[in-house]
Amino acid sequence: MRSVEPVSVGWVFRPERADNVEEHVGKQVRSVGSAVDEGGRVDVVLSDGARVRAYRHEVVPG
């Protein structure tokens, strides 16, 4: 029998735009809100406590 190693999956903020979020590129994501605004973005809290509005496709496994 093969032992199973635990896997840790995290999420990273990878924006595809340049509207004052470039300082947060590559930061680990702590949480993602479920409510989508009229522009299609959700609230994202990063590991350092920063809050940004992001499109769901900008939060990627990492």
Protein backbone atom coordinates (compact mmCIF):
# COMPACT_ATOMS: atom_id res chain seq x y z
CA MET A 1 0.00 0.00 0.00
CA ARG A 2 1.24 3.47 -0.92
CA SER A 3 1.19 6.25 1.65
CA VAL A 4 -0.60 9.43 0.73
CA GLU A 5 1.16 12.74 1.27
CA PRO A 6 -0.94 15.74 2.31
CA VAL A 7 -1.28 18.41 -0.34
CA SER A 8 -1.56 22.09 0.37
CA VAL A 9 -3.38 24.13 -2.25
CA GLY A 10 -3.21 27.90 -2.17
CA TRP A 11 -4.42 30.75 -4.31
CA VAL A 12 -2.44 33.70 -5.67
CA PHE A 13 -3.58 37.09 -6.96
CA ARG A 14 -2.53 37.53 -10.61
CA PRO A 15 -4.22 40.63 -12.06
CA GLU A 16 -4.28 41.23 -15.80
CA ARG A 17 -4.74 44.98 -15.48
CA ALA A 18 -2.79 48.01 -14.33
CA ASP A 19 -5.13 49.95 -12.05
CA ASN A 20 -3.17 50.37 -8.82
CA VAL A 21 -3.01 46.66 -7.93
CA GLU A 22 0.46 45.84 -9.28
CA GLU A 23 1.94 46.04 -5.76
CA HIS A 24 -0.19 43.00 -4.85
CA VAL A 25 0.81 40.74 -7.75
CA GLY A 26 1.76 37.25 -6.59
CA LYS A 27 0.50 37.61 -3.01
CA GLN A 28 -1.22 34.66 -1.37
CA VAL A 29 -5.00 34.94 -1.09
CA ARG A 30 -6.58 34.54 2.36
CA SER A 31 -10.25 34.72 1.30
CA VAL A 32 -12.53 35.48 -1.63
CA GLY A 33 -16.00 36.95 -1.26
CA SER A 34 -19.02 35.38 -2.90
CA ALA A 35 -20.89 38.56 -3.90
CA VAL A 36 -20.10 39.83 -7.40
CA ASP A 37 -20.39 43.56 -8.14
CA GLU A 38 -21.87 45.07 -11.30
CA GLY A 39 -18.41 44.99 -12.91
CA GLY A 40 -17.98 41.26 -12.28
CA ARG A 41 -15.46 41.59 -9.43
CA VAL A 42 -15.36 40.10 -5.94
CA ASP A 43 -13.69 41.18 -2.69
CA VAL A 44 -10.36 39.46 -2.11
CA VAL A 45 -8.35 39.57 1.14
CA LEU A 46 -4.65 38.93 0.69
CA SER A 47 -2.26 37.31 3.17
CA ASP A 48 -0.97 40.70 4.36
CA GLY A 49 -4.53 41.91 5.08
CA ALA A 50 -4.82 44.08 1.97
CA ARG A 51 -8.26 44.10 0.34
CA VAL A 52 -8.67 44.34 -3.42
CA ARG A 53 -11.52 43.98 -5.92
CA ALA A 54 -10.63 41.26 -8.41
CA TYR A 55 -12.12 39.27 -11.24
CA ARG A 56 -12.43 35.59 -10.36
CA HIS A 57 -9.98 34.61 -13.11
CA GLU A 58 -7.31 36.76 -11.40
CA VAL A 59 -7.24 34.41 -8.39
CA VAL A 60 -5.28 31.37 -9.54
CA PRO A 61 -3.81 28.25 -7.91
CA GLY A 62 -0.32 28.83 -6.68
